[in-house]
Amino acid sequence: MEIKHARSSTRHRISRSRSRAVVKTTSVIFRENAPTGSPLADSRVVFLGPDEQGELLEVMAIETDTGGLLIIHAQSIRNRYLELLAGGL
């Protein structure tokens, strides 16, 4: 699967390799609607899990027309996602 990165994917200083590691290795994946007012109306594919150093990250992507992913967001996991992760979704 082709994985690309939007410029916004490194806004929180998470490297592309770290976010890609989460996408490739996590088993916690779900869909989420786009936030109200977002310029991208596509639903998000959310990946929660550790990067290669063990730091828990949240990574969001949208599916491309070619079946790949465009990572649009990555940051250290926030409490609302940490609770989902702990609860097993």
PDB file of N, CA and C in Angstrom:
ATOM      1  N   MET A   1       0.849  -1.179   0.000  1.00  0.00           N
ATOM      2  CA  MET A   1       0.000   0.000   0.000  1.00  0.00           C
ATOM      3  C   MET A   1       0.887   1.233   0.000  1.00  0.00           C
ATOM      4  N   GLU A   2       0.537   2.173  -0.831  1.00  0.00           N
ATOM      5  CA  GLU A   2       1.285   3.426  -0.917  1.00  0.00           C
ATOM      6  C   GLU A   2       0.880   4.345   0.236  1.00  0.00           C
ATOM      7  N   ILE A   3       1.885   4.873   0.929  1.00  0.00           N
ATOM      8  CA  ILE A   3       1.650   5.807   2.028  1.00  0.00           C
ATOM      9  C   ILE A   3       2.368   7.104   1.710  1.00  0.00           C
ATOM     10  N   LYS A   4       1.592   8.180   1.654  1.00  0.00           N
ATOM     11  CA  LYS A   4       2.149   9.515   1.422  1.00  0.00           C
ATOM     12  C   LYS A   4       1.871  10.383   2.640  1.00  0.00           C
ATOM     13  N   HIS A   5       2.542  11.512   2.698  1.00  0.00           N
ATOM     14  CA  HIS A   5       2.388  12.430   3.830  1.00  0.00           C
ATOM     15  C   HIS A   5       2.020  13.821   3.338  1.00  0.00           C
ATOM     16  N   ALA A   6       0.995  14.391   3.955  1.00  0.00           N
ATOM     17  CA  ALA A   6       0.669  15.795   3.726  1.00  0.00           C
ATOM     18  C   ALA A   6       1.642  16.633   4.549  1.00  0.00           C
ATOM     19  N   ARG A   7       1.823  17.855   4.163  1.00  0.00           N
ATOM     20  CA  ARG A   7       2.702  18.759   4.900  1.00  0.00           C
ATOM     21  C   ARG A   7       2.278  18.843   6.369  1.00  0.00           C
ATOM     22  N   SER A   8       0.972  18.797   6.617  1.00  0.00           N
ATOM     23  CA  SER A   8       0.437  18.910   7.983  1.00  0.00           C
ATOM     24  C   SER A   8       0.821  17.728   8.872  1.00  0.00           C
ATOM     25  N   SER A   9       1.280  16.638   8.291  1.00  0.00           N
ATOM     26  CA  SER A   9       1.552  15.429   9.079  1.00  0.00           C
ATOM     27  C   SER A   9       2.728  15.577  10.036  1.00  0.00           C
ATOM     28  N   THR A  10       3.566  16.572   9.839  1.00  0.00           N
ATOM     29  CA  THR A  10       4.715  16.773  10.732  1.00  0.00           C
ATOM     30  C   THR A  10       4.571  18.025  11.596  1.00  0.00           C
ATOM     31  N   ARG A  11       3.403  18.600  11.627  1.00  0.00           N
ATOM     32  CA  ARG A  11       3.160  19.830  12.387  1.00  0.00           C
ATOM     33  C   ARG A  11       3.534  19.690  13.863  1.00  0.00           C
ATOM     34  N   HIS A  12       3.305  18.520  14.434  1.00  0.00           N
ATOM     35  CA  HIS A  12       3.567  18.293  15.861  1.00  0.00           C
ATOM     36  C   HIS A  12       4.942  17.656  16.095  1.00  0.00           C
ATOM     37  N   ARG A  13       5.812  17.794  15.115  1.00  0.00           N
ATOM     38  CA  ARG A  13       7.201  17.313  15.196  1.00  0.00           C
ATOM     39  C   ARG A  13       7.321  15.799  15.332  1.00  0.00           C
ATOM     40  N   ILE A  14       6.389  15.091  14.735  1.00  0.00           N
ATOM     41  CA  ILE A  14       6.476  13.636  14.630  1.00  0.00           C
ATOM     42  C   ILE A  14       6.999  13.339  13.225  1.00  0.00           C
ATOM     43  N   SER A  15       8.124  12.649  13.152  1.00  0.00           N
ATOM     44  CA  SER A  15       8.730  12.393  11.836  1.00  0.00           C
ATOM     45  C   SER A  15       7.863  11.466  11.001  1.00  0.00           C
ATOM     46  N   ARG A  16       8.078  11.527   9.723  1.00  0.00           N
ATOM     47  CA  ARG A  16       7.331  10.671   8.805  1.00  0.00           C
ATOM     48  C   ARG A  16       7.603   9.196   9.072  1.00  0.00           C
ATOM     49  N   SER A  17       8.830   8.861   9.419  1.00  0.00           N
ATOM     50  CA  SER A  17       9.145   7.456   9.684  1.00  0.00           C
ATOM     51  C   SER A  17       8.425   6.960  10.939  1.00  0.00           C
ATOM     52  N   ARG A  18       8.281   7.805  11.947  1.00  0.00           N
ATOM     53  CA  ARG A  18       7.581   7.407  13.169  1.00  0.00           C
ATOM     54  C   ARG A  18       6.096   7.180  12.900  1.00  0.00           C
ATOM     55  N   SER A  19       5.460   8.093  12.160  1.00  0.00           N
ATOM     56  CA  SER A  19       4.034   7.921  11.875  1.00  0.00           C
ATOM     57  C   SER A  19       3.802   6.724  10.961  1.00  0.00           C
ATOM     58  N   ARG A  20       4.699   6.513  10.022  1.00  0.00           N
ATOM     59  CA  ARG A  20       4.582   5.364   9.127  1.00  0.00           C
ATOM     60  C   ARG A  20       4.706   4.053   9.917  1.00  0.00           C
ATOM     61  N   ALA A  21       5.574   4.023  10.923  1.00  0.00           N
ATOM     62  CA  ALA A  21       5.737   2.817  11.751  1.00  0.00           C
ATOM     63  C   ALA A  21       4.435   2.467  12.457  1.00  0.00           C
ATOM     64  N   VAL A  22       3.723   3.469  12.959  1.00  0.00           N
ATOM     65  CA  VAL A  22       2.446   3.210  13.633  1.00  0.00           C
ATOM     66  C   VAL A  22       1.432   2.644  12.637  1.00  0.00           C
ATOM     67  N   VAL A  23       1.353   3.249  11.465  1.00  0.00           N
ATOM     68  CA  VAL A  23       0.402   2.782  10.442  1.00  0.00           C
ATOM     69  C   VAL A  23       0.683   1.332  10.060  1.00  0.00           C
ATOM     70  N   LYS A  24       1.948   0.978   9.952  1.00  0.00           N
ATOM     71  CA  LYS A  24       2.309  -0.361   9.500  1.00  0.00           C
ATOM     72  C   LYS A  24       2.200  -1.440  10.576  1.00  0.00           C
ATOM     73  N   THR A  25       2.254  -1.061  11.863  1.00  0.00           N
ATOM     74  CA  THR A  25       2.339  -2.094  12.895  1.00  0.00           C
ATOM     75  C   THR A  25       1.156  -2.162  13.852  1.00  0.00           C
ATOM     76  N   THR A  26       0.335  -1.143  13.940  1.00  0.00           N
ATOM     77  CA  THR A  26      -0.727  -1.159  14.950  1.00  0.00           C
ATOM     78  C   THR A  26      -1.887  -2.058  14.554  1.00  0.00           C
ATOM     79  N   SER A  27      -2.583  -2.536  15.545  1.00  0.00           N
ATOM     80  CA  SER A  27      -3.802  -3.301  15.296  1.00  0.00           C
ATOM     81  C   SER A  27      -5.035  -2.503  15.721  1.00  0.00           C
ATOM     82  N   VAL A  28      -4.820  -1.281  16.230  1.00  0.00           N
ATOM     83  CA  VAL A  28      -5.936  -0.433  16.656  1.00  0.00           C
ATOM     84  C   VAL A  28      -6.193   0.594  15.550  1.00  0.00           C
ATOM     85  N   ILE A  29      -7.203   0.299  14.746  1.00  0.00           N
ATOM     86  CA  ILE A  29      -7.538   1.128  13.584  1.00  0.00           C
ATOM     87  C   ILE A  29      -9.052   1.304  13.561  1.00  0.00           C
ATOM     88  N   PHE A  30      -9.491   2.539  13.364  1.00  0.00           N
ATOM     89  CA  PHE A  30     -10.927   2.796  13.245  1.00  0.00           C
ATOM     90  C   PHE A  30     -11.154   4.032  12.401  1.00  0.00           C
ATOM     91  N   ARG A  31     -12.395   4.243  12.013  1.00  0.00           N
ATOM     92  CA  ARG A  31     -12.774   5.419  11.215  1.00  0.00           C
ATOM     93  C   ARG A  31     -13.396   6.470  12.109  1.00  0.00           C
ATOM     94  N   GLU A  32     -13.198   7.720  11.699  1.00  0.00           N
ATOM     95  CA  GLU A  32     -13.751   8.852  12.434  1.00  0.00           C
ATOM     96  C   GLU A  32     -14.156   9.909  11.415  1.00  0.00           C
ATOM     97  N   ASN A  33     -15.299  10.548  11.641  1.00  0.00           N
ATOM     98  CA  ASN A  33     -15.733  11.609  10.741  1.00  0.00           C
ATOM     99  C   ASN A  33     -14.790  12.803  10.823  1.00  0.00           C
ATOM    100  N   ALA A  34     -14.738  13.559   9.753  1.00  0.00           N
ATOM    101  CA  ALA A  34     -13.930  14.780   9.739  1.00  0.00           C
ATOM    102  C   ALA A  34     -14.508  15.781  10.730  1.00  0.00           C
ATOM    103  N   PRO A  35     -13.654  16.565  11.382  1.00  0.00           N
ATOM    104  CA  PRO A  35     -14.162  17.587  12.290  1.00  0.00           C
ATOM    105  C   PRO A  35     -15.002  18.620  11.538  1.00  0.00           C
ATOM    106  N   THR A  36     -15.968  19.192  12.209  1.00  0.00           N
ATOM    107  CA  THR A  36     -16.794  20.236  11.609  1.00  0.00           C
ATOM    108  C   THR A  36     -15.902  21.381  11.141  1.00  0.00           C
ATOM    109  N   GLY A  37     -16.115  21.828   9.918  1.00  0.00           N
ATOM    110  CA  GLY A  37     -15.357  22.948   9.373  1.00  0.00           C
ATOM    111  C   GLY A  37     -14.023  22.578   8.758  1.00  0.00           C
ATOM    112  N   SER A  38     -13.675  21.302   8.750  1.00  0.00           N
ATOM    113  CA  SER A  38     -12.407  20.875   8.175  1.00  0.00           C
ATOM    114  C   SER A  38     -12.426  21.062   6.660  1.00  0.00           C
ATOM    115  N   PRO A  39     -11.314  21.515   6.078  1.00  0.00           N
ATOM    116  CA  PRO A  39     -11.260  21.644   4.616  1.00  0.00           C
ATOM    117  C   PRO A  39     -11.289  20.286   3.908  1.00  0.00           C
ATOM    118  N   LEU A  40     -10.951  19.213   4.624  1.00  0.00           N
ATOM    119  CA  LEU A  40     -11.029  17.861   4.079  1.00  0.00           C
ATOM    120  C   LEU A  40     -12.237  17.160   4.696  1.00  0.00           C
ATOM    121  N   ALA A  41     -13.250  16.932   3.899  1.00  0.00           N
ATOM    122  CA  ALA A  41     -14.491  16.345   4.411  1.00  0.00           C
ATOM    123  C   ALA A  41     -14.432  14.825   4.517  1.00  0.00           C
ATOM    124  N   ASP A  42     -13.385  14.211   3.955  1.00  0.00           N
ATOM    125  CA  ASP A  42     -13.261  12.757   3.983  1.00  0.00           C
ATOM    126  C   ASP A  42     -13.148  12.243   5.408  1.00  0.00           C
ATOM    127  N   SER A  43     -13.719  11.063   5.653  1.00  0.00           N
ATOM    128  CA  SER A  43     -13.551  10.458   6.976  1.00  0.00           C
ATOM    129  C   SER A  43     -12.080  10.089   7.163  1.00  0.00           C
ATOM    130  N   ARG A  44     -11.672  10.042   8.418  1.00  0.00           N
ATOM    131  CA  ARG A  44     -10.293   9.732   8.757  1.00  0.00           C
ATOM    132  C   ARG A  44     -10.158   8.262   9.132  1.00  0.00           C
ATOM    133  N   VAL A  45      -9.021   7.709   8.795  1.00  0.00           N
ATOM    134  CA  VAL A  45      -8.640   6.406   9.299  1.00  0.00           C
ATOM    135  C   VAL A  45      -7.664   6.721  10.429  1.00  0.00           C
ATOM    136  N   VAL A  46      -8.003   6.287  11.638  1.00  0.00           N
ATOM    137  CA  VAL A  46      -7.203   6.614  12.815  1.00  0.00           C
ATOM    138  C   VAL A  46      -6.417   5.377  13.243  1.00  0.00           C
ATOM    139  N   PHE A  47      -5.121   5.574  13.463  1.00  0.00           N
ATOM    140  CA  PHE A  47      -4.218   4.518  13.906  1.00  0.00           C
ATOM    141  C   PHE A  47      -3.680   4.933  15.273  1.00  0.00           C
ATOM    142  N   LEU A  48      -3.799   4.055  16.265  1.00  0.00           N
ATOM    143  CA  LEU A  48      -3.289   4.321  17.604  1.00  0.00           C
ATOM    144  C   LEU A  48      -2.278   3.243  17.960  1.00  0.00           C
ATOM    145  N   GLY A  49      -1.102   3.669  18.406  1.00  0.00           N
ATOM    146  CA  GLY A  49      -0.125   2.671  18.812  1.00  0.00           C
ATOM    147  C   GLY A  49       1.247   3.261  18.991  1.00  0.00           C
ATOM    148  N   PRO A  50       2.207   2.409  19.372  1.00  0.00           N
ATOM    149  CA  PRO A  50       3.567   2.877  19.619  1.00  0.00           C
ATOM    150  C   PRO A  50       4.373   3.013  18.332  1.00  0.00           C
ATOM    151  N   ASP A  51       5.253   4.012  18.337  1.00  0.00           N
ATOM    152  CA  ASP A  51       6.215   4.124  17.247  1.00  0.00           C
ATOM    153  C   ASP A  51       7.392   3.198  17.545  1.00  0.00           C
ATOM    154  N   GLU A  52       8.470   3.287  16.774  1.00  0.00           N
ATOM    155  CA  GLU A  52       9.588   2.362  16.970  1.00  0.00           C
ATOM    156  C   GLU A  52      10.341   2.590  18.282  1.00  0.00           C
ATOM    157  N   GLN A  53      10.132   3.745  18.950  1.00  0.00           N
ATOM    158  CA  GLN A  53      10.745   3.989  20.265  1.00  0.00           C
ATOM    159  C   GLN A  53       9.784   3.669  21.412  1.00  0.00           C
ATOM    160  N   GLY A  54       8.568   3.251  21.093  1.00  0.00           N
ATOM    161  CA  GLY A  54       7.601   2.901  22.108  1.00  0.00           C
ATOM    162  C   GLY A  54       6.693   4.032  22.548  1.00  0.00           C
ATOM    163  N   GLU A  55       6.834   5.225  21.944  1.00  0.00           N
ATOM    164  CA  GLU A  55       5.946   6.339  22.295  1.00  0.00           C
ATOM    165  C   GLU A  55       4.598   6.135  21.621  1.00  0.00           C
ATOM    166  N   LEU A  56       3.518   6.271  22.403  1.00  0.00           N
ATOM    167  CA  LEU A  56       2.178   6.120  21.844  1.00  0.00           C
ATOM    168  C   LEU A  56       1.813   7.339  21.010  1.00  0.00           C
ATOM    169  N   LEU A  57       1.376   7.074  19.791  1.00  0.00           N
ATOM    170  CA  LEU A  57       1.000   8.133  18.855  1.00  0.00           C
ATOM    171  C   LEU A  57      -0.418   7.917  18.362  1.00  0.00           C
ATOM    172  N   GLU A  58      -1.003   9.009  17.913  1.00  0.00           N
ATOM    173  CA  GLU A  58      -2.234   8.966  17.136  1.00  0.00           C
ATOM    174  C   GLU A  58      -1.865   9.452  15.747  1.00  0.00           C
ATOM    175  N   VAL A  59      -2.263   8.707  14.749  1.00  0.00           N
ATOM    176  CA  VAL A  59      -1.960   9.047  13.360  1.00  0.00           C
ATOM    177  C   VAL A  59      -3.265   8.986  12.593  1.00  0.00           C
ATOM    178  N   MET A  60      -3.544  10.036  11.820  1.00  0.00           N
ATOM    179  CA  MET A  60      -4.773  10.077  11.024  1.00  0.00           C
ATOM    180  C   MET A  60      -4.419  10.184   9.547  1.00  0.00           C
ATOM    181  N   ALA A  61      -5.185   9.462   8.754  1.00  0.00           N
ATOM    182  CA  ALA A  61      -4.962   9.457   7.315  1.00  0.00           C
ATOM    183  C   ALA A  61      -6.310   9.459   6.601  1.00  0.00           C
ATOM    184  N   ILE A  62      -6.258   9.830   5.337  1.00  0.00           N
ATOM    185  CA  ILE A  62      -7.420   9.670   4.476  1.00  0.00           C
ATOM    186  C   ILE A  62      -7.025   8.721   3.358  1.00  0.00           C
ATOM    187  N   GLU A  63      -8.002   7.980   2.874  1.00  0.00           N
ATOM    188  CA  GLU A  63      -7.732   7.057   1.782  1.00  0.00           C
ATOM    189  C   GLU A  63      -7.684   7.820   0.468  1.00  0.00           C
ATOM    190  N   THR A  64      -6.748   7.460  -0.379  1.00  0.00           N
ATOM    191  CA  THR A  64      -6.605   8.111  -1.677  1.00  0.00           C
ATOM    192  C   THR A  64      -7.429   7.364  -2.726  1.00  0.00           C
ATOM    193  N   ASP A  65      -7.604   7.984  -3.868  1.00  0.00           N
ATOM    194  CA  ASP A  65      -8.351   7.364  -4.960  1.00  0.00           C
ATOM    195  C   ASP A  65      -7.686   6.091  -5.471  1.00  0.00           C
ATOM    196  N   THR A  66      -6.375   5.963  -5.241  1.00  0.00           N
ATOM    197  CA  THR A  66      -5.643   4.791  -5.724  1.00  0.00           C
ATOM    198  C   THR A  66      -5.554   3.678  -4.686  1.00  0.00           C
ATOM    199  N   GLY A  67      -6.233   3.843  -3.545  1.00  0.00           N
ATOM    200  CA  GLY A  67      -6.236   2.814  -2.519  1.00  0.00           C
ATOM    201  C   GLY A  67      -5.126   2.954  -1.493  1.00  0.00           C
ATOM    202  N   GLY A  68      -4.332   4.003  -1.594  1.00  0.00           N
ATOM    203  CA  GLY A  68      -3.277   4.249  -0.619  1.00  0.00           C
ATOM    204  C   GLY A  68      -3.781   5.118   0.520  1.00  0.00           C
ATOM    205  N   LEU A  69      -2.837   5.602   1.308  1.00  0.00           N
ATOM    206  CA  LEU A  69      -3.159   6.481   2.430  1.00  0.00           C
ATOM    207  C   LEU A  69      -2.368   7.773   2.335  1.00  0.00           C
ATOM    208  N   LEU A  70      -3.016   8.862   2.727  1.00  0.00           N
ATOM    209  CA  LEU A  70      -2.358  10.153   2.859  1.00  0.00           C
ATOM    210  C   LEU A  70      -2.420  10.507   4.336  1.00  0.00           C
ATOM    211  N   ILE A  71      -1.277  10.454   5.015  1.00  0.00           N
ATOM    212  CA  ILE A  71      -1.228  10.797   6.432  1.00  0.00           C
ATOM    213  C   ILE A  71      -1.336  12.311   6.553  1.00  0.00           C
ATOM    214  N   ILE A  72      -2.320  12.763   7.326  1.00  0.00           N
ATOM    215  CA  ILE A  72      -2.568  14.198   7.462  1.00  0.00           C
ATOM    216  C   ILE A  72      -2.298  14.724   8.860  1.00  0.00           C
ATOM    217  N   HIS A  73      -2.106  13.812   9.833  1.00  0.00           N
ATOM    218  CA  HIS A  73      -1.943  14.242  11.223  1.00  0.00           C
ATOM    219  C   HIS A  73      -1.202  13.172  12.001  1.00  0.00           C
ATOM    220  N   ALA A  74      -0.277  13.601  12.855  1.00  0.00           N
ATOM    221  CA  ALA A  74       0.403  12.688  13.775  1.00  0.00           C
ATOM    222  C   ALA A  74       0.857  13.484  14.989  1.00  0.00           C
ATOM    223  N   GLN A  75       0.603  12.932  16.166  1.00  0.00           N
ATOM    224  CA  GLN A  75       1.060  13.570  17.395  1.00  0.00           C
ATOM    225  C   GLN A  75       1.061  12.545  18.517  1.00  0.00           C
ATOM    226  N   SER A  76       1.652  12.943  19.648  1.00  0.00           N
ATOM    227  CA  SER A  76       1.585  12.100  20.831  1.00  0.00           C
ATOM    228  C   SER A  76       0.117  11.899  21.163  1.00  0.00           C
ATOM    229  N   ILE A  77      -0.200  10.723  21.627  1.00  0.00           N
ATOM    230  CA  ILE A  77      -1.602  10.375  21.842  1.00  0.00           C
ATOM    231  C   ILE A  77      -2.240  11.283  22.901  1.00  0.00           C
ATOM    232  N   ARG A  78      -3.460  11.737  22.611  1.00  0.00           N
ATOM    233  CA  ARG A  78      -4.221  12.568  23.549  1.00  0.00           C
ATOM    234  C   ARG A  78      -5.080  11.675  24.441  1.00  0.00           C
ATOM    235  N   ASN A  79      -5.518  12.245  25.563  1.00  0.00           N
ATOM    236  CA  ASN A  79      -6.279  11.477  26.555  1.00  0.00           C
ATOM    237  C   ASN A  79      -7.502  10.788  25.966  1.00  0.00           C
ATOM    238  N   ARG A  80      -8.233  11.458  25.084  1.00  0.00           N
ATOM    239  CA  ARG A  80      -9.457  10.837  24.559  1.00  0.00           C
ATOM    240  C   ARG A  80      -9.161   9.568  23.775  1.00  0.00           C
ATOM    241  N   TYR A  81      -8.020   9.531  23.086  1.00  0.00           N
ATOM    242  CA  TYR A  81      -7.639   8.322  22.353  1.00  0.00           C
ATOM    243  C   TYR A  81      -6.979   7.311  23.267  1.00  0.00           C
ATOM    244  N   LEU A  82      -6.272   7.780  24.273  1.00  0.00           N
ATOM    245  CA  LEU A  82      -5.654   6.881  25.238  1.00  0.00           C
ATOM    246  C   LEU A  82      -6.739   6.073  25.954  1.00  0.00           C
ATOM    247  N   GLU A  83      -7.846   6.727  26.277  1.00  0.00           N
ATOM    248  CA  GLU A  83      -8.968   6.030  26.907  1.00  0.00           C
ATOM    249  C   GLU A  83      -9.553   4.966  25.970  1.00  0.00           C
ATOM    250  N   LEU A  84      -9.659   5.285  24.682  1.00  0.00           N
ATOM    251  CA  LEU A  84     -10.146   4.299  23.710  1.00  0.00           C
ATOM    252  C   LEU A  84      -9.184   3.122  23.623  1.00  0.00           C
ATOM    253  N   LEU A  85      -7.912   3.430  23.602  1.00  0.00           N
ATOM    254  CA  LEU A  85      -6.890   2.392  23.512  1.00  0.00           C
ATOM    255  C   LEU A  85      -6.950   1.475  24.734  1.00  0.00           C
ATOM    256  N   ALA A  86      -7.074   2.062  25.902  1.00  0.00           N
ATOM    257  CA  ALA A  86      -7.144   1.293  27.152  1.00  0.00           C
ATOM    258  C   ALA A  86      -8.420   0.470  27.228  1.00  0.00           C
ATOM    259  N   GLY A  87      -9.497   1.008  26.667  1.00  0.00           N
ATOM    260  CA  GLY A  87     -10.782   0.311  26.700  1.00  0.00           C
ATOM    261  C   GLY A  87     -10.934  -0.740  25.620  1.00  0.00           C
ATOM    262  N   GLY A  88      -9.953  -0.825  24.747  1.00  0.00           N
ATOM    263  CA  GLY A  88     -10.001  -1.834  23.681  1.00  0.00           C
ATOM    264  C   GLY A  88     -10.975  -1.483  22.583  1.00  0.00           C
ATOM    265  N   LEU A  89     -11.362  -0.219  22.503  1.00  0.00           N
ATOM    266  CA  LEU A  89     -12.333   0.236  21.511  1.00  0.00           C
ATOM    267  C   LEU A  89     -13.594  -0.566  21.682  1.00  0.00           C
TER     268      LEU A  89
END
